[in-house]
């Protein structure tokens, strides 16, 4: 009898759903893969669960050791920063050109307003109601009744437990969230994975020797080619950064229309991916191109070569200027505290048009809640003193900068849910570029917002209305938006998913997803 019972149990167990198959049709006893028309935030679907950043049975210290072990096997030592940002353009010129330039550009009138920016850009369907995240059409079956695990509610409850130091309840909720989240699942599962990682890090606490996950992820070995692929993926599925780049380049081009020298001071130049298309456009300017001077400001690299990445960015830009016969000069500045930069460091000349650009990086500057002498105001004061002809300011529109943990957690959850929902609606789940974007950009930012306080929390976005007040108080006057440019950018938006929106308010160009404002851009001059 025991043997027969065990065999029967073994056969029956084959039909028991796995832990991550939680959307169940209770009447037909089958797993429902199709969502309702209206599903709660973060409803869990059937997904393969793979190893997270660090798994529940692996402590944060083990996660750091394992990642360093991979690095050691390739580089010899985890204590030395290897040369990982070498200039790869000579090895991959076609890839760089395909992503960073506009193929077939013959005149400045065509620039950024043609039917396509890149040859591989394909319009997104406006009707994706019957398309899965993997891109395959499927029929929608009627679903009468489902049991749903609401990851959003679990995360909110867990954050509440953490905020009142109820560690037992928080750990129990974290265990449930970990069972149903995955870095390779649907959008809600991926989001829950990263927020759970942040909550787990917060519970452990930096005083217990927790490695700074934010910095570890930031210093993870990633080649320029990987970043370029992620950049390409981002532009193919999402217009936010691309339209912000076009907006900035177009405004700077107009400011330098008759100048002999254009000096761009870029706060947060990173890899310099935003400038080749402007260089290409300037090369076709009537009367010849101006001399282009770029001062690239960036955080120093960790290790023995703090200037390596920023210098490589300069070499790539120099190669494009040489190719398009544009005179070029580059001034790299690697500074940990941008407010400490002196005017003399910028090497400004009197005979040049001066443009200052910042694309979403002022959110990493500390604010008044950390330092009385606010670095944000100090940087704005520096910009005002150098009297630029134009200051193009693009920001991440976020309200998750509250000093109170639970308020910040809730606002961050809603903000990042829009981003992960956007990727889930426009990209296959297994897309390599998407994995890089979520793991090394949005996931890392979410972890930092949730896990850290004080100077360790470097993700501190403000809304465009808050920046409006801050810039005005710093002595800047806002320029009106160019309506011709806005109309043409709206035309570019038509090639994307219908849920992307482009609007304007108080001379800010606003971009969003399903009604939530994500990016904002505007132009300023000293008052």
Protein backbone atom coordinates (compact mmCIF):
# COMPACT_ATOMS: atom_id res chain seq x y z
CA UNK A 1 0.00 0.00 0.00
CA UNK A 2 2.82 2.38 0.86
CA UNK A 3 4.47 1.71 -2.50
CA UNK A 4 1.24 2.36 -4.40
CA UNK A 5 0.64 5.52 -2.40
CA UNK A 6 4.13 6.85 -3.17
CA UNK A 7 3.71 6.11 -6.89
CA UNK A 8 0.36 7.85 -6.91
CA UNK A 9 1.86 10.84 -5.10
CA UNK A 10 4.73 10.97 -7.57
CA UNK A 11 2.34 10.96 -10.54
CA UNK A 12 0.11 13.58 -8.94
CA UNK A 13 3.05 15.85 -8.17
CA UNK A 14 3.68 16.28 -11.88
CA UNK A 15 0.49 18.30 -12.09
CA UNK A 16 1.23 20.56 -9.13
CA UNK A 17 2.18 24.07 -10.37
CA UNK A 18 5.63 25.43 -9.68
CA UNK A 19 5.94 28.25 -7.11
CA UNK A 20 6.18 30.91 -9.79
CA UNK A 21 3.02 29.77 -11.68
CA UNK A 22 0.55 31.79 -9.71
CA UNK A 23 -2.08 32.92 -12.20
CA UNK A 24 -4.42 29.94 -12.10
CA UNK A 25 -7.82 29.33 -13.69
CA UNK A 26 -9.62 27.69 -10.79
CA UNK A 27 -12.47 26.32 -12.92
CA UNK A 28 -10.50 24.60 -15.66
CA UNK A 29 -7.52 23.72 -13.45
CA UNK A 30 -5.18 25.01 -16.15
CA UNK A 31 -2.51 27.72 -15.94
CA UNK A 32 -3.80 30.92 -17.44
CA UNK A 33 -1.07 32.63 -19.45
CA UNK A 34 -3.28 35.44 -20.66
CA UNK A 35 -3.91 38.52 -18.50
CA UNK A 36 -7.26 40.10 -17.87
CA UNK A 37 -8.10 43.38 -19.52
CA UNK A 38 -7.47 45.02 -16.16
CA UNK A 39 -4.90 43.33 -13.99
CA UNK A 40 -3.61 44.64 -10.67
CA UNK A 41 -0.19 46.20 -10.54
CA UNK A 42 2.53 43.53 -10.58
CA UNK A 43 0.30 40.49 -11.26
CA UNK A 44 2.56 37.44 -11.51
CA UNK A 45 2.66 35.34 -14.69
CA UNK A 46 4.35 32.03 -15.41
CA UNK A 47 8.07 32.58 -15.79
CA UNK A 48 11.36 30.77 -15.52
CA UNK A 49 13.20 31.97 -12.42
CA UNK A 50 16.95 32.38 -12.69
CA UNK A 51 19.60 33.42 -10.19
CA UNK A 52 19.13 37.04 -9.03
CA UNK A 53 21.84 39.57 -8.27
CA UNK A 54 22.33 37.63 -5.10
CA UNK A 55 19.95 34.78 -4.33
CA UNK A 56 17.98 34.41 -1.07
CA UNK A 57 20.33 31.65 0.10
CA UNK A 58 23.41 33.71 -0.72
CA UNK A 59 24.35 36.63 1.48
CA UNK A 60 25.40 40.03 0.12
CA UNK A 61 28.99 39.35 1.10
CA UNK A 62 28.95 36.13 -0.90
CA UNK A 63 27.45 37.99 -3.84
CA UNK A 64 30.34 40.47 -3.80
CA UNK A 65 32.91 37.68 -3.47
CA UNK A 66 31.43 35.72 -6.38
CA UNK A 67 31.40 38.71 -8.65
CA UNK A 68 34.95 39.60 -7.75
CA UNK A 69 35.93 35.99 -8.34
CA UNK A 70 34.77 36.23 -11.93
CA UNK A 71 36.78 39.38 -12.30
CA UNK A 72 39.82 37.77 -10.74
CA UNK A 73 39.84 34.88 -13.16
CA UNK A 74 40.02 37.26 -16.08
CA UNK A 75 42.14 40.06 -14.70
CA UNK A 76 44.36 38.61 -12.02
CA UNK A 77 43.34 40.81 -9.12
CA UNK A 78 40.11 42.24 -7.76
CA UNK A 79 41.94 45.11 -6.12
CA UNK A 80 43.21 46.66 -9.34
CA UNK A 81 40.96 48.38 -11.83
CA UNK A 82 41.80 46.96 -15.27
CA UNK A 83 41.68 48.80 -18.55
CA UNK A 84 38.09 48.00 -19.40
CA UNK A 85 37.00 51.11 -21.25
CA UNK A 86 39.52 50.98 -24.06
CA UNK A 87 38.62 52.76 -27.26
CA UNK A 88 36.90 50.10 -29.34
CA UNK A 89 35.74 52.24 -32.22
CA UNK A 90 38.49 51.05 -34.55
CA UNK A 91 37.35 47.47 -33.98
CA UNK A 92 33.62 48.20 -34.44
CA UNK A 93 33.22 51.28 -36.68
CA UNK A 94 30.01 50.04 -38.30
CA UNK A 95 28.30 49.42 -34.96
CA UNK A 96 29.23 52.87 -33.67
CA UNK A 97 28.15 54.58 -36.90
CA UNK A 98 24.87 52.69 -37.04
CA UNK A 99 23.91 53.77 -33.54
CA UNK A 100 25.46 57.24 -33.21
CA UNK A 101 25.06 58.77 -36.68
CA UNK A 102 22.21 59.42 -39.04
CA UNK A 103 22.90 57.34 -42.19
CA UNK A 104 22.53 59.09 -45.52
CA UNK A 105 22.43 62.64 -44.11
CA UNK A 106 23.12 64.99 -47.00
CA UNK A 107 22.03 68.36 -45.69
CA UNK A 108 21.30 70.09 -42.41
CA UNK A 109 17.60 70.39 -43.30
CA UNK A 110 17.22 66.61 -43.14
CA UNK A 111 18.92 66.31 -39.75
CA UNK A 112 16.88 64.41 -37.18
CA UNK A 113 13.61 65.06 -38.98
CA UNK A 114 13.58 62.36 -41.63
CA UNK A 115 11.40 59.29 -41.51
CA UNK A 116 14.15 57.32 -39.76
CA UNK A 117 17.19 58.09 -37.67
CA UNK A 118 18.80 54.68 -38.12
CA UNK A 119 18.42 52.10 -40.83
CA UNK A 120 17.33 49.49 -38.32
CA UNK A 121 14.62 51.63 -36.71
CA UNK A 122 11.27 49.94 -37.14
CA UNK A 123 7.99 51.59 -36.21
CA UNK A 124 6.30 50.11 -33.21
CA UNK A 125 2.77 48.88 -33.68
CA UNK A 126 0.20 51.09 -32.06
CA UNK A 127 -1.92 48.08 -31.21
CA UNK A 128 -0.03 45.69 -29.00
CA UNK A 129 -2.97 44.35 -27.07
CA UNK A 130 -2.56 40.89 -28.60
CA UNK A 131 1.25 40.83 -28.57
CA UNK A 132 3.25 39.27 -25.79
CA UNK A 133 6.47 40.75 -24.40
CA UNK A 134 8.32 38.29 -26.63
CA UNK A 135 6.74 39.79 -29.72
CA UNK A 136 4.55 36.81 -30.74
CA UNK A 137 0.82 37.23 -31.38
CA UNK A 138 -1.54 35.11 -29.39
CA UNK A 139 -5.26 34.71 -29.03
CA UNK A 140 -6.83 35.94 -25.85
CA UNK A 141 -8.85 33.28 -24.05
CA UNK A 142 -11.65 34.21 -21.71
CA UNK A 143 -10.57 33.89 -18.09
CA UNK A 144 -13.31 33.82 -15.50
CA UNK A 145 -11.48 33.53 -12.21
CA UNK A 146 -7.85 33.79 -11.17
CA UNK A 147 -5.78 33.66 -8.07
CA UNK A 148 -3.28 36.50 -8.26
CA UNK A 149 -0.23 37.36 -6.22
CA UNK A 150 0.01 41.14 -6.06
CA UNK A 151 3.73 41.83 -5.82
CA UNK A 152 3.12 45.57 -5.54
CA UNK A 153 1.07 45.16 -2.39
CA UNK A 154 3.64 42.77 -0.92
CA UNK A 155 6.41 45.29 -1.56
CA UNK A 156 4.41 48.10 0.04
CA UNK A 157 3.66 45.95 3.09
CA UNK A 158 7.30 44.94 3.35
CA UNK A 159 8.45 48.57 3.15
CA UNK A 160 5.98 49.50 5.89
CA UNK A 161 7.38 46.72 8.08
CA UNK A 162 10.93 47.93 7.42
CA UNK A 163 10.00 51.54 8.24
CA UNK A 164 8.68 50.52 11.68
CA UNK A 165 11.59 48.12 12.32
CA UNK A 166 9.35 45.04 12.27
CA UNK A 167 12.13 42.82 10.94
CA UNK A 168 10.29 39.52 11.43
CA UNK A 169 7.34 40.56 9.28
CA UNK A 170 9.66 42.19 6.73
CA UNK A 171 11.70 39.01 6.31
CA UNK A 172 8.57 36.88 5.96
CA UNK A 173 7.23 39.18 3.25
CA UNK A 174 10.64 39.28 1.54
CA UNK A 175 10.64 35.51 1.38
CA UNK A 176 7.28 35.56 -0.41
CA UNK A 177 8.44 38.26 -2.82
CA UNK A 178 11.64 36.36 -3.61
CA UNK A 179 9.65 33.23 -4.49
CA UNK A 180 7.64 35.07 -7.13
CA UNK A 181 10.13 37.63 -8.53
CA UNK A 182 12.79 37.15 -11.15
CA UNK A 183 15.29 39.29 -13.11
CA UNK A 184 14.16 37.48 -16.29
CA UNK A 185 10.39 37.41 -15.72
CA UNK A 186 7.74 39.86 -16.77
CA UNK A 187 8.01 43.54 -15.95
CA UNK A 188 6.45 43.30 -12.48
CA UNK A 189 8.59 40.30 -11.53
CA UNK A 190 11.77 42.07 -12.60
CA UNK A 191 10.80 45.23 -10.75
CA UNK A 192 9.99 43.23 -7.62
CA UNK A 193 13.35 41.47 -7.85
CA UNK A 194 15.33 44.72 -7.70
CA UNK A 195 13.17 46.33 -5.03
CA UNK A 196 13.43 43.17 -2.95
CA UNK A 197 17.20 43.32 -3.34
CA UNK A 198 17.15 46.89 -2.04
CA UNK A 199 14.93 45.97 0.90
CA UNK A 200 17.17 43.01 1.76
CA UNK A 201 20.23 45.27 1.66
CA UNK A 202 18.49 47.78 3.91
CA UNK A 203 17.57 45.06 6.41
CA UNK A 204 21.15 43.81 6.58
CA UNK A 205 22.42 47.37 7.01
CA UNK A 206 25.74 48.91 6.06
CA UNK A 207 26.87 48.68 9.70
CA UNK A 208 26.90 44.88 9.34
CA UNK A 209 29.49 45.05 6.59
CA UNK A 210 27.05 45.14 3.66
CA UNK A 211 28.88 45.80 0.38
CA UNK A 212 27.62 48.82 -1.44
CA UNK A 213 25.57 47.11 -4.13
CA UNK A 214 25.20 50.35 -6.05
CA UNK A 215 28.94 50.84 -6.42
CA UNK A 216 29.59 47.16 -7.11
CA UNK A 217 27.09 47.16 -9.93
CA UNK A 218 28.50 50.45 -11.20
CA UNK A 219 32.04 49.05 -11.32
CA UNK A 220 31.05 45.72 -12.86
CA UNK A 221 33.08 44.93 -15.95
CA UNK A 222 31.13 46.20 -18.96
CA UNK A 223 32.66 47.00 -22.34
CA UNK A 224 31.84 50.02 -24.44
CA UNK A 225 30.25 47.62 -26.95
CA UNK A 226 27.87 46.35 -24.26
CA UNK A 227 26.91 49.89 -23.35
CA UNK A 228 26.47 50.77 -27.02
CA UNK A 229 24.15 47.80 -27.54
CA UNK A 230 22.13 48.85 -24.51
CA UNK A 231 22.07 52.41 -25.85
CA UNK A 232 20.83 51.10 -29.20
CA UNK A 233 18.16 49.01 -27.48
CA UNK A 234 16.99 51.97 -25.43
CA UNK A 235 16.66 54.15 -28.53
CA UNK A 236 14.85 51.48 -30.53
CA UNK A 237 12.12 50.95 -27.94
CA UNK A 238 11.96 54.27 -26.10
CA UNK A 239 12.15 57.86 -27.42
CA UNK A 240 13.06 59.57 -24.13
CA UNK A 241 16.82 59.84 -24.47
CA UNK A 242 16.83 60.13 -28.25
CA UNK A 243 14.42 63.05 -28.35
CA UNK A 244 16.30 64.70 -25.48
CA UNK A 245 19.54 64.40 -27.49
CA UNK A 246 17.89 65.83 -30.61
CA UNK A 247 16.39 68.67 -28.57
CA UNK A 248 19.74 69.59 -27.03
CA UNK A 249 21.69 69.27 -30.27
CA UNK A 250 19.18 71.33 -32.21
CA UNK A 251 19.17 74.12 -29.62
CA UNK A 252 22.96 74.19 -29.46
CA UNK A 253 23.19 74.19 -33.25
CA UNK A 254 20.93 77.25 -33.43
CA UNK A 255 22.97 79.03 -30.75
CA UNK A 256 26.19 78.42 -32.71
CA UNK A 257 24.73 79.11 -36.14
CA UNK A 258 27.23 81.84 -37.06
CA UNK A 259 30.05 81.19 -34.62
CA UNK A 260 33.61 80.27 -35.52
CA UNK A 261 34.13 78.33 -32.28
CA UNK A 262 31.60 76.32 -30.30
CA UNK A 263 32.53 75.30 -26.77
CA UNK A 264 30.30 72.66 -25.15
CA UNK A 265 30.65 72.02 -21.43
CA UNK A 266 28.98 68.68 -20.77
CA UNK A 267 28.22 67.80 -17.15
CA UNK A 268 28.13 64.00 -17.26
CA UNK A 269 29.62 63.21 -20.68
CA UNK A 270 30.00 59.49 -19.88
CA UNK A 271 30.81 57.82 -23.24
CA UNK A 272 30.04 60.90 -25.37
CA UNK A 273 27.40 59.04 -27.37
CA UNK A 274 25.22 62.17 -27.63
CA UNK A 275 27.66 64.27 -29.68
CA UNK A 276 28.53 62.47 -32.98
CA UNK A 277 25.22 63.42 -34.58
CA UNK A 278 25.78 67.10 -33.75
CA UNK A 279 29.32 66.87 -35.15
CA UNK A 280 27.88 65.32 -38.32
CA UNK A 281 25.36 68.13 -38.59
CA UNK A 282 27.90 70.88 -37.94
CA UNK A 283 30.11 69.52 -40.72
CA UNK A 284 27.37 70.44 -43.23
CA UNK A 285 26.82 73.96 -41.94
CA UNK A 286 26.69 76.61 -44.61
CA UNK A 287 30.04 78.38 -44.68
CA UNK A 288 31.85 75.45 -43.08
CA UNK A 289 31.89 73.96 -39.60
CA UNK A 290 33.03 75.82 -36.51
CA UNK A 291 35.84 74.62 -34.34
CA UNK A 292 34.30 72.39 -31.69
CA UNK A 293 35.68 72.42 -28.16
CA UNK A 294 34.18 69.97 -25.67
CA UNK A 295 34.87 70.03 -21.95
CA UNK A 296 33.75 66.63 -20.73
CA UNK A 297 33.02 66.45 -16.99
CA UNK A 298 32.60 63.04 -15.39
CA UNK A 299 33.14 61.16 -12.16
CA UNK A 300 36.60 59.58 -11.88
CA UNK A 301 36.96 55.85 -12.39
CA UNK A 302 37.75 53.75 -9.36
CA UNK A 303 41.28 52.37 -9.28
CA UNK A 304 44.56 53.50 -10.76
CA UNK A 305 43.20 55.08 -13.94
CA UNK A 306 40.58 57.65 -12.90
CA UNK A 307 40.71 59.45 -16.27
CA UNK A 308 40.55 56.41 -18.53
CA UNK A 309 36.89 56.36 -19.57
CA UNK A 310 36.58 60.11 -20.03
CA UNK A 311 39.78 60.20 -22.12
CA UNK A 312 38.52 57.33 -24.27
CA UNK A 313 35.33 59.32 -24.87
CA UNK A 314 37.45 62.22 -26.09
CA UNK A 315 39.38 59.97 -28.48
CA UNK A 316 36.17 58.63 -29.98
CA UNK A 317 34.81 62.14 -30.49
CA UNK A 318 38.14 63.26 -32.00
CA UNK A 319 37.95 60.44 -34.53
CA UNK A 320 34.48 61.56 -35.60
CA UNK A 321 35.61 65.17 -35.92
CA UNK A 322 38.57 64.09 -38.03
CA UNK A 323 36.29 62.01 -40.21
CA UNK A 324 33.86 64.91 -40.78
CA UNK A 325 36.65 67.51 -41.06
CA UNK A 326 35.55 69.45 -37.97
CA UNK A 327 38.37 71.10 -35.97
CA UNK A 328 38.28 69.66 -32.46
CA UNK A 329 39.69 70.25 -29.00
CA UNK A 330 38.92 68.22 -25.89
CA UNK A 331 39.29 69.09 -22.22
CA UNK A 332 38.56 66.16 -19.86
CA UNK A 333 37.75 66.85 -16.20
CA UNK A 334 37.33 63.97 -13.76
CA UNK A 335 35.93 65.37 -10.50
CA UNK A 336 34.17 63.63 -7.65
CA UNK A 337 32.53 66.88 -6.51
CA UNK A 338 31.38 68.92 -9.47
CA UNK A 339 30.68 71.93 -7.26
CA UNK A 340 34.43 72.14 -6.56
CA UNK A 341 35.30 72.76 -10.23
CA UNK A 342 36.88 76.18 -10.78
CA UNK A 343 36.09 78.46 -13.71
CA UNK A 344 39.77 78.31 -14.69
CA UNK A 345 39.46 74.52 -15.14
CA UNK A 346 36.93 75.05 -17.95
CA UNK A 347 39.39 77.01 -20.14
CA UNK A 348 36.77 79.40 -21.47
CA UNK A 349 37.69 81.83 -24.24
CA UNK A 350 36.04 85.12 -25.12
CA UNK A 351 35.69 84.45 -28.86
CA UNK A 352 33.47 81.36 -28.62
CA UNK A 353 29.82 80.48 -28.27
CA UNK A 354 29.48 78.71 -24.95
CA UNK A 355 26.89 75.96 -24.45
CA UNK A 356 26.36 74.06 -21.20
CA UNK A 357 24.61 70.71 -21.33
CA UNK A 358 23.46 68.28 -18.67
CA UNK A 359 21.39 65.22 -19.48
CA UNK A 360 19.85 63.80 -16.35
CA UNK A 361 22.96 63.84 -14.18
CA UNK A 362 22.18 66.61 -11.70
CA UNK A 363 19.94 64.12 -9.90
CA UNK A 364 23.15 62.60 -8.52
CA UNK A 365 24.24 65.84 -6.86
CA UNK A 366 23.54 66.08 -3.14
CA UNK A 367 20.80 68.44 -1.98
CA UNK A 368 19.97 70.49 1.11
CA UNK A 369 18.91 67.45 3.14
CA UNK A 370 22.53 66.26 3.21
CA UNK A 371 24.67 69.39 2.97
CA UNK A 372 23.78 72.92 4.02
CA UNK A 373 25.95 74.31 1.20
CA UNK A 374 23.87 72.58 -1.44
CA UNK A 375 26.05 71.18 -4.28
CA UNK A 376 23.16 71.56 -6.74
CA UNK A 377 22.95 75.28 -6.11
CA UNK A 378 26.75 75.56 -6.22
CA UNK A 379 26.92 73.94 -9.68
CA UNK A 380 24.11 76.16 -10.96
CA UNK A 381 25.97 79.18 -9.56
CA UNK A 382 29.11 78.07 -11.42
CA UNK A 383 27.15 77.80 -14.68
CA UNK A 384 25.62 81.25 -14.19
CA UNK A 385 29.05 82.80 -13.55
CA UNK A 386 30.50 81.51 -16.82
CA UNK A 387 27.58 83.18 -18.69
CA UNK A 388 26.77 80.55 -21.31
CA UNK A 389 24.93 81.48 -24.50
CA UNK A 390 22.63 78.55 -23.77
CA UNK A 391 22.17 76.05 -20.95
CA UNK A 392 20.29 72.90 -22.00
CA UNK A 393 18.94 71.14 -18.93
CA UNK A 394 17.36 67.67 -19.27
CA UNK A 395 16.17 65.90 -16.16
CA UNK A 396 14.65 62.65 -14.94
CA UNK A 397 11.29 63.76 -13.58
CA UNK A 398 11.02 61.99 -10.24
CA UNK A 399 9.43 62.69 -6.87
CA UNK A 400 11.21 59.88 -5.00
CA UNK A 401 13.66 62.08 -3.12
CA UNK A 402 11.82 62.35 0.19
CA UNK A 403 13.95 62.07 3.35
CA UNK A 404 11.33 59.70 4.79
CA UNK A 405 11.92 56.10 3.71
CA UNK A 406 8.38 54.84 3.15
CA UNK A 407 7.27 57.91 1.19
CA UNK A 408 10.36 57.63 -0.99
CA UNK A 409 9.85 53.88 -1.47
CA UNK A 410 6.24 54.29 -2.57
CA UNK A 411 7.03 57.07 -5.07
CA UNK A 412 10.03 55.16 -6.44
CA UNK A 413 7.91 52.03 -6.86
CA UNK A 414 5.39 53.87 -9.02
CA UNK A 415 8.11 55.59 -11.05
CA UNK A 416 10.12 52.46 -11.81
CA UNK A 417 6.97 50.42 -12.45
CA UNK A 418 6.38 52.70 -15.45
CA UNK A 419 9.88 52.03 -16.76
CA UNK A 420 9.68 48.24 -16.38
CA UNK A 421 6.16 48.21 -17.85
CA UNK A 422 7.48 50.20 -20.81
CA UNK A 423 10.26 47.66 -21.46
CA UNK A 424 7.82 44.78 -21.08
CA UNK A 425 5.54 46.35 -23.69
CA UNK A 426 8.25 47.12 -26.25
CA UNK A 427 11.03 44.53 -25.87
CA UNK A 428 11.37 40.73 -25.71
CA UNK A 429 12.17 39.49 -22.24
CA UNK A 430 15.36 37.78 -23.33
CA UNK A 431 16.74 40.85 -25.15
CA UNK A 432 20.39 41.31 -24.13
CA UNK A 433 20.27 45.09 -24.28
CA UNK A 434 17.21 45.11 -22.05
CA UNK A 435 18.98 42.93 -19.51
CA UNK A 436 21.90 45.39 -19.39
CA UNK A 437 19.59 48.38 -19.06
CA UNK A 438 17.57 46.85 -16.26
CA UNK A 439 20.48 45.34 -14.35
CA UNK A 440 23.09 48.05 -14.62
CA UNK A 441 20.94 51.15 -14.90
CA UNK A 442 17.37 51.05 -13.63
CA UNK A 443 17.82 48.13 -11.24
CA UNK A 444 20.94 49.66 -9.75
CA UNK A 445 19.18 53.00 -9.29
CA UNK A 446 16.19 51.36 -7.60
CA UNK A 447 18.49 49.49 -5.19
CA UNK A 448 20.26 52.71 -4.25
CA UNK A 449 16.99 54.57 -3.61
CA UNK A 450 15.67 51.78 -1.37
CA UNK A 451 18.79 50.61 0.46
CA UNK A 452 20.77 53.71 1.36
CA UNK A 453 20.55 57.01 3.21
CA UNK A 454 22.73 60.10 3.52
CA UNK A 455 25.65 60.51 1.16
CA UNK A 456 25.38 56.84 0.12
CA UNK A 457 22.06 57.56 -1.57
CA UNK A 458 23.09 59.19 -4.83
CA UNK A 459 19.77 58.86 -6.69
CA UNK A 460 17.98 62.09 -5.77
CA UNK A 461 15.75 63.23 -8.64
CA UNK A 462 13.46 66.23 -8.51
CA UNK A 463 10.43 67.11 -10.61
CA UNK A 464 10.69 69.61 -13.44
CA UNK A 465 8.63 72.06 -11.36
CA UNK A 466 11.18 71.83 -8.54
CA UNK A 467 14.02 72.41 -11.00
CA UNK A 468 12.08 75.36 -12.44
CA UNK A 469 12.14 77.04 -9.02
CA UNK A 470 15.77 76.08 -8.34
CA UNK A 471 17.06 77.36 -11.71
CA UNK A 472 15.11 80.60 -11.40
CA UNK A 473 16.46 81.24 -7.90
CA UNK A 474 19.97 80.57 -9.22
CA UNK A 475 19.61 83.51 -11.61
CA UNK A 476 18.52 81.88 -14.88
CA UNK A 477 15.83 82.90 -17.34
CA UNK A 478 13.99 80.25 -19.28
CA UNK A 479 13.86 80.34 -23.08
CA UNK A 480 10.62 79.54 -24.92
CA UNK A 481 10.36 76.24 -26.75
CA UNK A 482 10.80 76.33 -30.52
CA UNK A 483 7.42 75.21 -31.82
CA UNK A 484 8.76 74.07 -35.19
CA UNK A 485 11.20 71.75 -33.41
CA UNK A 486 8.43 70.49 -31.10
CA UNK A 487 6.16 69.63 -34.02
CA UNK A 488 8.90 67.72 -35.79
CA UNK A 489 9.77 65.83 -32.62
CA UNK A 490 6.11 64.90 -32.27
CA UNK A 491 6.36 63.47 -35.75
CA UNK A 492 9.32 61.34 -34.65
CA UNK A 493 7.25 60.04 -31.75
CA UNK A 494 4.70 58.45 -34.13
CA UNK A 495 7.10 55.61 -34.89
CA UNK A 496 6.90 54.46 -31.27
CA UNK A 497 4.26 52.80 -29.14
CA UNK A 498 1.04 54.82 -28.80
CA UNK A 499 1.44 54.99 -25.00
CA UNK A 500 4.42 57.37 -25.29
CA UNK A 501 3.46 61.01 -24.96
CA UNK A 502 5.18 64.31 -25.76
CA UNK A 503 3.80 67.47 -24.22
CA UNK A 504 4.94 70.85 -22.93
CA UNK A 505 4.39 72.91 -19.82
CA UNK A 506 5.98 76.20 -18.74
CA UNK A 507 8.51 75.94 -21.58
CA UNK A 508 9.53 72.39 -20.62
CA UNK A 509 9.41 69.60 -23.17
CA UNK A 510 7.80 66.69 -21.31
CA UNK A 511 8.03 63.02 -22.24
CA UNK A 512 6.14 60.21 -20.56
CA UNK A 513 4.62 56.75 -20.62
CA UNK A 514 0.90 56.15 -20.03
CA UNK A 515 0.40 59.56 -18.49
CA UNK A 516 3.41 59.55 -16.15
CA UNK A 517 6.06 62.20 -16.92
CA UNK A 518 9.50 60.57 -17.07
CA UNK A 519 11.82 63.07 -18.86
CA UNK A 520 11.78 66.86 -19.14
CA UNK A 521 14.02 69.26 -21.09
CA UNK A 522 14.35 73.03 -21.23
CA UNK A 523 16.75 75.82 -22.22
CA UNK A 524 18.04 78.63 -20.02
CA UNK A 525 20.27 81.71 -20.11
CA UNK A 526 21.63 83.84 -17.26
CA UNK A 527 19.02 86.44 -16.28
